[in-house]
Amino acid sequence: MALMTGQQYKDSIRDMKVNLYIFGEKVENQLEHPITAPAIDAVALTYDLANDPDYQDRITAKSHITGDRVNYFTHLYQGPDDFSKRLDLMRDLARRHGMCAGARCVSGNIANGLDSVTFEMDKKLGTNYHERFRSYWERVQREDLSVGGYITDPKGDRSKRPGEQPNQDAYIRVVEEKKDGIVVRGAKVLISGASIAHEALVMPTRGLREDEKEYAVAFSIPTDTKGLTLLHQLPTPDFRRLTEGAKGMDFGNERYGVYNLCQIFFDDVFVPWDRVFMCGESEFTGSLVGRVSPTFRCVTSACKCGHRDLLLGGSAVIADYNGVGKAGHIREKLSEMSFESELSYGCLLGATQRGYVTGSGNFFPDPLYANVGKYQASKALWFCARMGVDMSGGLVMSMHTEKDMKHPVLGPLINKYFQANPDVSTEKRMKMMRLMEYLTGIGNILVAESSQGGAPTANQQLVVNAEMRKVIEEAKIRVLELAGIEG
């Protein structure tokens, strides 16, 4: 099958019967709903660009599985050049839609991990998981499917392991094995793009012990599988799109600007064996998480670099619109924003160059630099958001609506008193303020997501600290030798 177009993707989503709720109401048509439609447009862009002759080389690759040209979101990484291309793609796409393509993004990283770990499972245990997974992923590539990546569990009491939880379903688990498949129960939370993906690819969220085998499960299912209930997250700014009379000027990022995030509840969901890629092999969960985590952290951090590029541009424009674009302190702030952003991207490229290839042929970035890059990317986005707010001024959090501006009495007052640069209309200034509200995180969840997506900063600190201890011990030996001191 050829690469899908954006319209074909939209048509395929329309045909799905996803059990989705938003603000307590069942959603019948995601293409027409004001909360899901913008996210669908962001994903559709990844399909249309793959069919654009001028962009194809950046977003497609020749599959080593099928031999055909596939969308990069379904491609498995084979080397550092392969992976750096994915990072460049994520950064560029974020510049184009200023949002998220989570319905395609996360799963490719899970797939790369599963492809390598199932290869090792089969080699050691004599199972056929690898062949099963390859068959599934070949279908994903040939049909150009969007696959949501499901990692995070509710986790219950964070002081307790999965097997110690009072609520056994705090982590997704196998509750029954049948001749033709398994039955799973539990939940996955904070899943990007879940409702607008064709498929769900599920993996454990952490390494597991021998006595936690029921939680060691990885599988795929269609998003409209019986027993799945999806609840769309609704950050406060998104309510504007549900408000009668709200117009494009009120949204900031009108076309794409809704972060599609869901909680998914598994009510004894049946999974056929040909879609099961791990079932009880707890000894391999640590390897799977250890490979997927740094890979995903690099990819999501590259996306945030693109978002910071928009923040940089938006800050420069709003400074011009405010009449202070040439001020020295503005140029200094923009320079600092650029420095913080490029520092994180450099770490991601470093992780790529220091990466490794497993026996299955899959490439993975260096965990240390991946975590350093993710940590820095989060700090940089918060820093740049603060600079953006600083350059925008207080108006960024107290915008008028389009309805106010069109009002016969209020409109002239707003136009008179909120114009700054005489060469820029008040309407343009208001629209850019609304976009800056969005980009700085006042009007969306991206700034907070930069910290929590791909694990909070505490996780990166754990990895960095562990690696640092190794380096320090070796460094201590070296300096003792140089000083002529016997250890």
Protein backbone atom coordinates (compact mmCIF):
# COMPACT_ATOMS: atom_id res chain seq x y z
CA MET A 1 0.00 0.00 0.00
CA ALA A 2 1.24 3.50 -0.82
CA LEU A 3 1.79 6.20 1.77
CA MET A 4 -1.49 7.62 3.10
CA THR A 5 -2.49 11.20 2.44
CA GLY A 6 -3.74 13.49 5.19
CA GLN A 7 -7.30 13.17 3.90
CA GLN A 8 -7.09 9.37 3.84
CA TYR A 9 -5.89 9.45 7.42
CA LYS A 10 -8.82 11.66 8.40
CA ASP A 11 -11.28 9.38 6.61
CA SER A 12 -9.87 6.35 8.41
CA ILE A 13 -10.25 8.06 11.81
CA ARG A 14 -13.84 9.00 10.95
CA ASP A 15 -14.61 5.31 10.32
CA MET A 16 -13.33 4.22 13.76
CA LYS A 17 -15.74 3.75 16.67
CA VAL A 18 -13.54 4.93 19.52
CA ASN A 19 -15.20 4.92 22.96
CA LEU A 20 -14.06 8.47 23.76
CA TYR A 21 -15.39 10.98 26.27
CA ILE A 22 -14.67 14.71 26.56
CA PHE A 23 -16.02 16.81 29.41
CA GLY A 24 -18.44 14.06 30.41
CA GLU A 25 -19.90 13.61 26.92
CA LYS A 26 -19.41 10.83 24.37
CA VAL A 27 -17.66 11.98 21.19
CA GLU A 28 -19.28 10.68 18.02
CA ASN A 29 -17.13 12.39 15.38
CA GLN A 30 -13.56 13.37 16.25
CA LEU A 31 -13.09 15.20 12.96
CA GLU A 32 -15.77 17.72 13.86
CA HIS A 33 -15.16 18.06 17.57
CA PRO A 34 -13.39 21.34 18.48
CA ILE A 35 -11.02 19.55 20.87
CA THR A 36 -9.90 16.63 18.69
CA ALA A 37 -10.02 18.23 15.23
CA PRO A 38 -6.90 20.43 15.71
CA ALA A 39 -4.82 17.45 16.87
CA ILE A 40 -6.02 15.44 13.87
CA ASP A 41 -4.81 18.25 11.59
CA ALA A 42 -1.36 18.08 13.22
CA VAL A 43 -1.12 14.33 12.53
CA ALA A 44 -2.55 14.73 9.01
CA LEU A 45 0.37 17.07 8.31
CA THR A 46 2.80 14.16 8.80
CA TYR A 47 0.95 12.28 6.06
CA ASP A 48 0.74 15.17 3.61
CA LEU A 49 4.41 16.08 4.00
CA ALA A 50 5.36 12.47 3.21
CA ASN A 51 3.60 12.92 -0.14
CA ASP A 52 5.22 16.29 -0.83
CA PRO A 53 8.13 15.81 -3.31
CA ASP A 54 10.01 18.70 -1.71
CA TYR A 55 9.79 17.19 1.79
CA GLN A 56 9.75 13.42 1.23
CA ASP A 57 13.44 12.88 1.91
CA ARG A 58 13.07 14.43 5.37
CA ILE A 59 10.08 12.37 6.51
CA THR A 60 10.36 9.03 4.69
CA ALA A 61 12.95 6.24 4.53
CA LYS A 62 13.46 2.91 2.84
CA SER A 63 12.34 0.20 5.25
CA HIS A 64 14.83 -2.57 5.98
CA ILE A 65 11.78 -4.76 6.69
CA THR A 66 9.63 -4.26 3.58
CA GLY A 67 12.09 -2.64 1.19
CA ASP A 68 9.50 0.05 0.49
CA ARG A 69 9.55 3.75 1.31
CA VAL A 70 7.77 4.31 4.62
CA ASN A 71 6.89 7.25 6.82
CA TYR A 72 9.69 7.94 9.30
CA PHE A 73 7.28 7.55 12.20
CA THR A 74 7.10 3.82 11.39
CA HIS A 75 10.81 3.39 10.63
CA LEU A 76 13.08 1.45 13.01
CA TYR A 77 16.42 3.15 13.73
CA GLN A 78 19.44 1.42 12.21
CA GLY A 79 22.29 3.80 13.02
CA PRO A 80 23.27 7.28 14.27
CA ASP A 81 22.46 9.00 10.96
CA ASP A 82 19.05 7.35 11.04
CA PHE A 83 18.37 8.61 14.53
CA SER A 84 19.67 12.14 14.00
CA LYS A 85 17.33 12.39 11.01
CA ARG A 86 14.43 11.63 13.35
CA LEU A 87 15.59 14.36 15.74
CA ASP A 88 15.83 16.91 12.92
CA LEU A 89 12.37 15.87 11.74
CA MET A 90 10.81 16.32 15.19
CA ARG A 91 12.32 19.78 15.54
CA ASP A 92 11.14 20.87 12.11
CA LEU A 93 7.62 19.52 12.53
CA ALA A 94 7.22 21.37 15.83
CA ARG A 95 8.11 24.58 13.99
CA ARG A 96 5.33 23.84 11.50
CA HIS A 97 2.46 22.93 13.82
CA GLY A 98 3.57 24.17 17.25
CA MET A 99 1.87 21.19 18.83
CA CYS A 100 2.20 17.40 19.06
CA ALA A 101 1.95 14.41 16.74
CA GLY A 102 1.80 11.96 19.63
CA ALA A 103 -0.51 9.65 17.71
CA ARG A 104 2.60 8.63 15.73
CA CYS A 105 5.61 9.76 17.75
CA VAL A 106 5.91 7.60 20.89
CA SER A 107 5.17 4.21 19.32
CA GLY A 108 8.17 4.27 16.98
CA ASN A 109 10.47 4.39 20.00
CA ILE A 110 8.60 1.54 21.70
CA ALA A 111 8.72 -0.45 18.47
CA ASN A 112 12.49 0.00 18.20
CA GLY A 113 12.84 -1.31 21.76
CA LEU A 114 10.47 -4.24 21.28
CA ASP A 115 12.15 -5.23 18.03
CA SER A 116 15.49 -5.62 19.81
CA VAL A 117 14.22 -7.14 23.07
CA THR A 118 11.95 -9.71 21.40
CA PHE A 119 14.96 -10.75 19.31
CA GLU A 120 16.90 -11.43 22.53
CA MET A 121 13.93 -13.12 24.22
CA ASP A 122 13.57 -15.58 21.35
CA LYS A 123 17.30 -16.29 21.33
CA LYS A 124 17.34 -17.12 25.04
CA LEU A 125 13.88 -18.61 25.59
CA GLY A 126 13.01 -20.15 22.24
CA THR A 127 9.85 -18.06 21.92
CA ASN A 128 8.56 -16.55 18.67
CA TYR A 129 7.88 -13.00 19.87
CA HIS A 130 10.29 -11.40 17.40
CA GLU A 131 8.67 -12.94 14.33
CA ARG A 132 5.27 -12.00 15.74
CA PHE A 133 6.31 -8.40 16.34
CA ARG A 134 8.03 -8.05 12.95
CA SER A 135 4.89 -9.32 11.24
CA TYR A 136 2.82 -6.73 13.09
CA TRP A 137 5.19 -3.84 12.42
CA GLU A 138 5.45 -4.79 8.74
CA ARG A 139 1.67 -4.31 8.57
CA VAL A 140 2.00 -0.93 10.32
CA GLN A 141 4.53 0.16 7.70
CA ARG A 142 2.64 -1.18 4.69
CA GLU A 143 -0.67 0.37 5.76
CA ASP A 144 1.00 3.56 7.03
CA LEU A 145 -0.84 3.38 10.33
CA SER A 146 -0.76 5.83 13.20
CA VAL A 147 0.09 3.94 16.39
CA GLY A 148 -0.25 5.46 19.85
CA GLY A 149 2.47 4.56 22.35
CA TYR A 150 1.18 3.54 25.80
CA ILE A 151 3.80 3.60 28.56
CA THR A 152 2.69 5.33 31.79
CA ASP A 153 0.53 3.48 34.36
CA PRO A 154 -1.43 5.17 37.19
CA LYS A 155 1.15 3.60 39.62
CA GLY A 156 -1.03 3.92 42.73
CA ASP A 157 0.99 4.35 45.92
CA ARG A 158 4.39 5.50 44.62
CA SER A 159 6.18 4.05 47.65
CA LYS A 160 5.12 0.53 46.62
CA ARG A 161 6.08 -1.73 43.74
CA PRO A 162 3.43 -3.09 41.31
CA GLY A 163 3.09 -6.35 43.21
CA GLU A 164 2.68 -4.53 46.54
CA GLN A 165 -0.18 -2.24 45.52
CA PRO A 166 -3.49 -2.44 47.43
CA ASN A 167 -5.11 -1.93 44.03
CA GLN A 168 -3.72 -4.73 41.87
CA ASP A 169 -4.78 -2.85 38.75
CA ALA A 170 -2.63 0.22 39.48
CA TYR A 171 -0.34 -1.24 36.79
CA ILE A 172 -1.76 -2.92 33.72
CA ARG A 173 -1.67 -6.71 34.07
CA VAL A 174 -2.70 -10.02 32.59
CA VAL A 175 -5.74 -11.39 34.43
CA GLU A 176 -6.31 -14.46 32.24
CA GLU A 177 -4.53 -16.52 29.61
CA LYS A 178 -6.68 -18.30 27.05
CA LYS A 179 -6.00 -20.61 24.16
CA ASP A 180 -6.43 -17.81 21.65
CA GLY A 181 -5.07 -14.86 23.62
CA ILE A 182 -4.85 -12.98 26.91
CA VAL A 183 -7.15 -10.71 28.91
CA VAL A 184 -5.69 -7.51 30.37
CA ARG A 185 -6.99 -5.08 32.95
CA GLY A 186 -5.76 -1.70 34.23
CA ALA A 187 -5.11 1.74 32.81
CA LYS A 188 -2.59 3.83 30.94
CA VAL A 189 -2.52 7.56 31.62
CA LEU A 190 -1.25 10.77 29.99
CA ILE A 191 -1.08 9.08 26.59
CA SER A 192 -0.44 11.52 23.72
CA GLY A 193 -2.66 11.17 20.67
CA ALA A 194 -4.36 7.99 21.86
CA SER A 195 -7.85 8.65 20.51
CA ILE A 196 -6.70 9.73 17.04
CA ALA A 197 -4.39 6.76 16.37
CA HIS A 198 -5.42 3.60 14.54
CA GLU A 199 -3.62 1.33 16.99
CA ALA A 200 -2.27 1.20 20.53
CA LEU A 201 1.17 -0.26 21.31
CA VAL A 202 1.46 -1.07 25.02
CA MET A 203 4.55 -1.79 27.12
CA PRO A 204 5.45 -1.94 30.85
CA THR A 205 6.28 1.39 32.44
CA ARG A 206 9.14 0.00 34.60
CA GLY A 207 11.41 -2.97 35.22
CA LEU A 208 9.75 -5.84 37.07
CA ARG A 209 10.74 -8.65 39.43
CA GLU A 210 10.19 -12.38 39.15
CA ASP A 211 7.12 -12.17 41.40
CA GLU A 212 5.55 -9.46 39.20
CA LYS A 213 5.18 -11.50 36.01
CA GLU A 214 1.52 -10.64 35.52
CA TYR A 215 2.59 -7.03 34.86
CA ALA A 216 5.25 -8.00 32.30
CA VAL A 217 3.09 -7.61 29.22
CA ALA A 218 3.48 -5.87 25.86
CA PHE A 219 0.90 -5.97 23.09
CA SER A 220 -0.99 -4.08 20.40
CA ILE A 221 -4.72 -3.57 19.84
CA PRO A 222 -6.92 -1.37 17.62
CA THR A 223 -7.94 1.84 19.38
CA ASP A 224 -11.62 0.96 19.05
CA THR A 225 -11.23 -2.46 20.72
CA LYS A 226 -14.12 -3.54 22.93
CA GLY A 227 -13.47 -2.82 26.61
CA LEU A 228 -11.36 0.32 26.03
CA THR A 229 -12.64 3.62 27.41
CA LEU A 230 -10.74 6.81 26.57
CA LEU A 231 -11.11 10.02 28.55
CA HIS A 232 -9.67 13.12 26.89
CA GLN A 233 -7.76 15.51 29.14
CA LEU A 234 -9.06 19.06 28.97
CA PRO A 235 -6.62 21.73 30.19
CA THR A 236 -8.38 24.98 31.11
CA PRO A 237 -7.38 26.97 27.97
CA ASP A 238 -9.01 24.34 25.74
CA PHE A 239 -12.41 25.27 27.16
CA ARG A 240 -12.29 28.36 24.93
CA ARG A 241 -12.92 26.11 21.95
CA LEU A 242 -16.14 24.94 23.60
CA THR A 243 -17.31 28.49 24.26
CA GLU A 244 -20.06 29.81 22.02
CA GLY A 245 -18.87 32.73 19.95
CA ALA A 246 -15.16 32.05 20.43
CA LYS A 247 -13.23 32.74 17.23
CA GLY A 248 -9.83 31.93 15.80
CA MET A 249 -8.14 34.97 17.30
CA ASP A 250 -8.99 33.66 20.78
CA PHE A 251 -7.09 30.39 20.42
CA GLY A 252 -3.45 31.39 19.84
CA ASN A 253 -2.55 28.42 17.65
CA GLU A 254 -5.88 28.18 15.85
CA ARG A 255 -5.34 25.24 13.51
CA TYR A 256 -3.25 22.81 15.58
CA GLY A 257 -3.20 24.06 19.15
CA VAL A 258 -4.86 21.37 21.25
CA TYR A 259 -2.68 18.80 22.99
CA ASN A 260 -4.47 15.49 22.47
CA LEU A 261 -3.94 13.61 25.73
CA CYS A 262 -6.01 10.71 27.09
CA GLN A 263 -6.46 8.40 30.04
CA ILE A 264 -7.28 4.88 28.84
CA PHE A 265 -9.11 2.29 30.91
CA PHE A 266 -8.80 -1.41 30.06
CA ASP A 267 -11.88 -3.30 31.25
CA ASP A 268 -10.85 -6.94 30.74
CA VAL A 269 -9.68 -6.36 27.16
CA PHE A 270 -8.98 -9.40 25.01
CA VAL A 271 -5.71 -9.47 23.04
CA PRO A 272 -5.09 -12.24 20.45
CA TRP A 273 -1.78 -14.08 20.76
CA ASP A 274 -0.50 -12.74 17.44
CA ARG A 275 -0.60 -9.27 19.01
CA VAL A 276 1.19 -10.25 22.24
CA PHE A 277 4.93 -9.46 22.32
CA MET A 278 5.69 -10.17 25.99
CA CYS A 279 3.72 -12.15 28.53
CA GLY A 280 5.38 -12.88 31.86
CA GLU A 281 9.03 -12.47 30.85
CA SER A 282 9.79 -10.04 33.67
CA GLU A 283 13.57 -10.43 33.33
CA PHE A 284 13.42 -8.54 30.01
CA THR A 285 11.34 -5.58 31.20
CA GLY A 286 14.37 -3.71 32.52
CA SER A 287 16.13 -3.97 29.15
CA LEU A 288 13.02 -2.82 27.32
CA VAL A 289 12.48 0.22 29.54
CA GLY A 290 16.22 0.96 29.55
CA ARG A 291 16.28 1.19 25.76
CA VAL A 292 12.97 2.89 25.10
CA SER A 293 13.37 5.59 27.78
CA PRO A 294 16.51 7.36 26.48
CA THR A 295 15.30 6.99 22.89
CA PHE A 296 11.96 8.61 23.65
CA ARG A 297 13.59 11.30 25.79
CA CYS A 298 15.78 12.32 22.86
CA VAL A 299 12.87 12.41 20.44
CA THR A 300 10.53 14.39 22.69
CA SER A 301 13.34 16.81 23.56
CA ALA A 302 14.01 17.44 19.87
CA CYS A 303 10.35 18.34 19.52
CA LYS A 304 10.70 20.85 22.35
CA CYS A 305 13.69 22.42 20.57
CA GLY A 306 11.32 23.18 17.71
CA HIS A 307 8.85 24.66 20.14
CA ARG A 308 11.59 26.87 21.57
CA ASP A 309 12.40 28.03 18.05
CA LEU A 310 8.80 29.29 17.86
CA LEU A 311 9.17 30.90 21.28
CA LEU A 312 12.30 32.66 20.07
CA GLY A 313 10.56 33.94 16.95
CA GLY A 314 7.40 34.91 18.83
CA SER A 315 9.39 36.79 21.46
CA ALA A 316 11.24 38.75 18.78
CA VAL A 317 7.99 39.63 16.99
CA ILE A 318 6.12 40.68 20.13
CA ALA A 319 9.08 42.84 21.16
CA ASP A 320 8.83 44.57 17.78
CA TYR A 321 5.08 44.95 18.18
CA ASN A 322 5.61 46.42 21.65
CA GLY A 323 8.04 48.94 20.15
CA VAL A 324 11.18 47.67 21.92
CA GLY A 325 12.57 45.18 19.38
CA LYS A 326 15.88 47.01 19.07
CA ALA A 327 16.50 47.41 22.82
CA GLY A 328 19.75 45.91 24.11
CA HIS A 329 18.11 43.88 26.88
CA ILE A 330 15.78 42.28 24.31
CA ARG A 331 18.69 41.16 22.15
CA GLU A 332 20.43 39.74 25.24
CA LYS A 333 17.33 37.78 26.25
CA LEU A 334 16.94 36.36 22.73
CA SER A 335 20.61 35.36 22.73
CA GLU A 336 20.23 33.55 26.08
CA MET A 337 17.13 31.74 24.80
CA SER A 338 19.02 30.55 21.74
CA PHE A 339 21.98 29.40 23.85
CA GLU A 340 19.80 27.35 26.22
CA SER A 341 17.95 25.73 23.35
CA GLU A 342 20.99 24.78 21.27
CA LEU A 343 22.76 23.42 24.35
CA SER A 344 20.02 20.83 24.79
CA TYR A 345 20.00 19.93 21.10
CA GLY A 346 23.76 19.49 21.16
CA CYS A 347 23.36 16.96 23.99
CA LEU A 348 20.84 15.02 21.90
CA LEU A 349 23.25 14.91 18.98
CA GLY A 350 25.97 13.80 21.40
CA ALA A 351 23.72 10.96 22.58
CA THR A 352 23.30 9.97 18.95
CA GLN A 353 27.01 9.92 18.19
CA ARG A 354 27.76 7.90 21.34
CA GLY A 355 24.96 5.39 20.71
CA TYR A 356 25.12 1.66 20.00
CA VAL A 357 23.56 -1.06 17.83
CA THR A 358 22.12 -4.27 19.33
CA GLY A 359 22.33 -7.77 17.87
CA SER A 360 18.98 -7.25 16.18
CA GLY A 361 20.36 -4.27 14.26
CA ASN A 362 18.42 -1.64 16.22
CA PHE A 363 20.15 1.61 17.16
CA PHE A 364 19.86 3.26 20.58
CA PRO A 365 21.30 6.56 21.83
CA ASP A 366 23.71 6.83 24.75
CA PRO A 367 21.63 6.90 27.98
CA LEU A 368 23.79 9.48 29.77
CA TYR A 369 23.67 12.16 27.09
CA ALA A 370 20.03 11.35 26.33
CA ASN A 371 19.09 12.09 29.93
CA VAL A 372 21.33 15.16 30.11
CA GLY A 373 19.69 16.42 26.91
CA LYS A 374 16.19 15.80 28.23
CA TYR A 375 17.00 17.50 31.53
CA GLN A 376 18.46 20.52 29.77
CA ALA A 377 15.59 20.63 27.27
CA SER A 378 13.10 20.89 30.12
CA LYS A 379 15.09 23.63 31.86
CA ALA A 380 15.49 25.48 28.58
CA LEU A 381 11.79 25.50 27.80
CA TRP A 382 10.88 26.86 31.23
CA PHE A 383 13.64 29.47 30.90
CA CYS A 384 12.55 30.49 27.40
CA ALA A 385 8.91 30.62 28.46
CA ARG A 386 9.85 32.99 31.29
CA MET A 387 11.82 35.17 28.87
CA GLY A 388 8.89 35.14 26.45
CA VAL A 389 6.50 36.30 29.17
CA ASP A 390 9.01 38.95 30.21
CA MET A 391 9.24 40.34 26.68
CA SER A 392 5.50 40.14 26.07
CA GLY A 393 4.46 42.05 29.16
CA GLY A 394 1.43 41.67 31.39
CA LEU A 395 -1.00 41.83 28.48
CA VAL A 396 -0.01 38.27 27.54
CA MET A 397 -2.13 36.95 30.42
CA SER A 398 -5.05 39.37 30.12
CA MET A 399 -6.10 39.24 26.49
CA HIS A 400 -9.36 40.58 25.14
CA THR A 401 -11.49 38.36 22.92
CA GLU A 402 -12.31 38.79 19.27
CA LYS A 403 -15.90 39.47 20.32
CA ASP A 404 -14.66 42.41 22.43
CA MET A 405 -12.67 43.80 19.52
CA LYS A 406 -15.68 43.64 17.21
CA HIS A 407 -17.97 45.30 19.77
CA PRO A 408 -19.14 48.78 18.62
CA VAL A 409 -18.24 50.42 21.96
CA LEU A 410 -15.36 48.27 23.26
CA GLY A 411 -13.59 47.78 19.93
CA PRO A 412 -12.59 51.43 19.40
CA LEU A 413 -11.38 51.68 23.01
CA ILE A 414 -9.20 48.56 22.67
CA ASN A 415 -7.83 49.78 19.35
CA LYS A 416 -6.98 53.17 20.80
CA TYR A 417 -5.37 52.15 24.07
CA PHE A 418 -3.63 48.88 23.18
CA GLN A 419 -1.69 49.93 20.13
CA ALA A 420 2.05 50.21 20.82
CA ASN A 421 4.24 50.31 17.71
CA PRO A 422 2.50 52.83 15.40
CA ASP A 423 3.35 50.64 12.40
CA VAL A 424 1.50 47.62 13.83
CA SER A 425 -2.27 47.38 14.21
CA THR A 426 -3.78 46.60 17.60
CA GLU A 427 -5.41 43.51 16.11
CA LYS A 428 -2.03 42.11 15.02
CA ARG A 429 -0.59 42.83 18.44
CA MET A 430 -3.53 41.09 20.13
CA LYS A 431 -3.20 38.02 17.89
CA MET A 432 0.51 37.75 18.60
CA MET A 433 -0.14 38.16 22.33
CA ARG A 434 -2.58 35.26 22.16
CA LEU A 435 -0.01 33.14 20.36
CA MET A 436 2.61 34.04 22.97
CA GLU A 437 0.13 33.10 25.69
CA TYR A 438 -0.02 29.71 23.99
CA LEU A 439 3.73 29.34 23.36
CA THR A 440 4.77 30.34 26.87
CA GLY A 441 2.51 27.73 28.45
CA ILE A 442 -0.04 30.11 29.90
CA GLY A 443 -2.41 28.86 27.23
CA ASN A 444 -1.41 25.19 26.82
CA ILE A 445 0.31 22.34 28.64
CA LEU A 446 3.51 22.09 26.55
CA VAL A 447 5.78 23.77 29.09
CA ALA A 448 4.68 21.41 31.87
CA GLU A 449 4.74 18.48 29.44
CA SER A 450 8.38 19.25 28.66
CA SER A 451 9.17 18.29 32.26
CA GLN A 452 6.82 15.32 32.63
CA GLY A 453 6.76 13.84 29.13
CA GLY A 454 9.32 11.05 28.87
CA ALA A 455 9.56 11.01 32.68
CA PRO A 456 10.08 13.87 35.16
CA THR A 457 13.51 15.43 35.71
CA ALA A 458 14.12 13.29 38.81
CA ASN A 459 14.44 10.27 36.50
CA GLN A 460 17.11 11.96 34.41
CA GLN A 461 18.95 12.97 37.58
CA LEU A 462 19.01 9.34 38.72
CA VAL A 463 20.65 8.21 35.49
CA VAL A 464 23.08 11.12 35.40
CA ASN A 465 24.04 10.59 39.05
CA ALA A 466 24.64 6.88 38.50
CA GLU A 467 26.85 7.58 35.50
CA MET A 468 28.58 10.41 37.36
CA ARG A 469 29.55 8.07 40.21
CA LYS A 470 31.29 5.78 37.71
CA VAL A 471 33.18 8.71 36.20
CA ILE A 472 34.13 10.10 39.61
CA GLU A 473 35.60 6.79 40.81
CA GLU A 474 37.76 6.56 37.71
CA ALA A 475 38.71 10.24 37.96
CA LYS A 476 39.73 9.78 41.61
CA ILE A 477 42.11 6.99 40.59
CA ARG A 478 43.62 9.19 37.87
CA VAL A 479 44.26 12.21 40.11
CA LEU A 480 45.76 10.01 42.84
CA GLU A 481 48.13 8.56 40.25
CA LEU A 482 49.07 12.04 39.01
CA ALA A 483 49.69 13.22 42.58
CA GLY A 484 51.78 10.17 43.35
CA ILE A 485 49.44 9.10 46.12
CA GLU A 486 48.71 5.44 46.68
CA GLY A 487 45.01 4.74 47.05
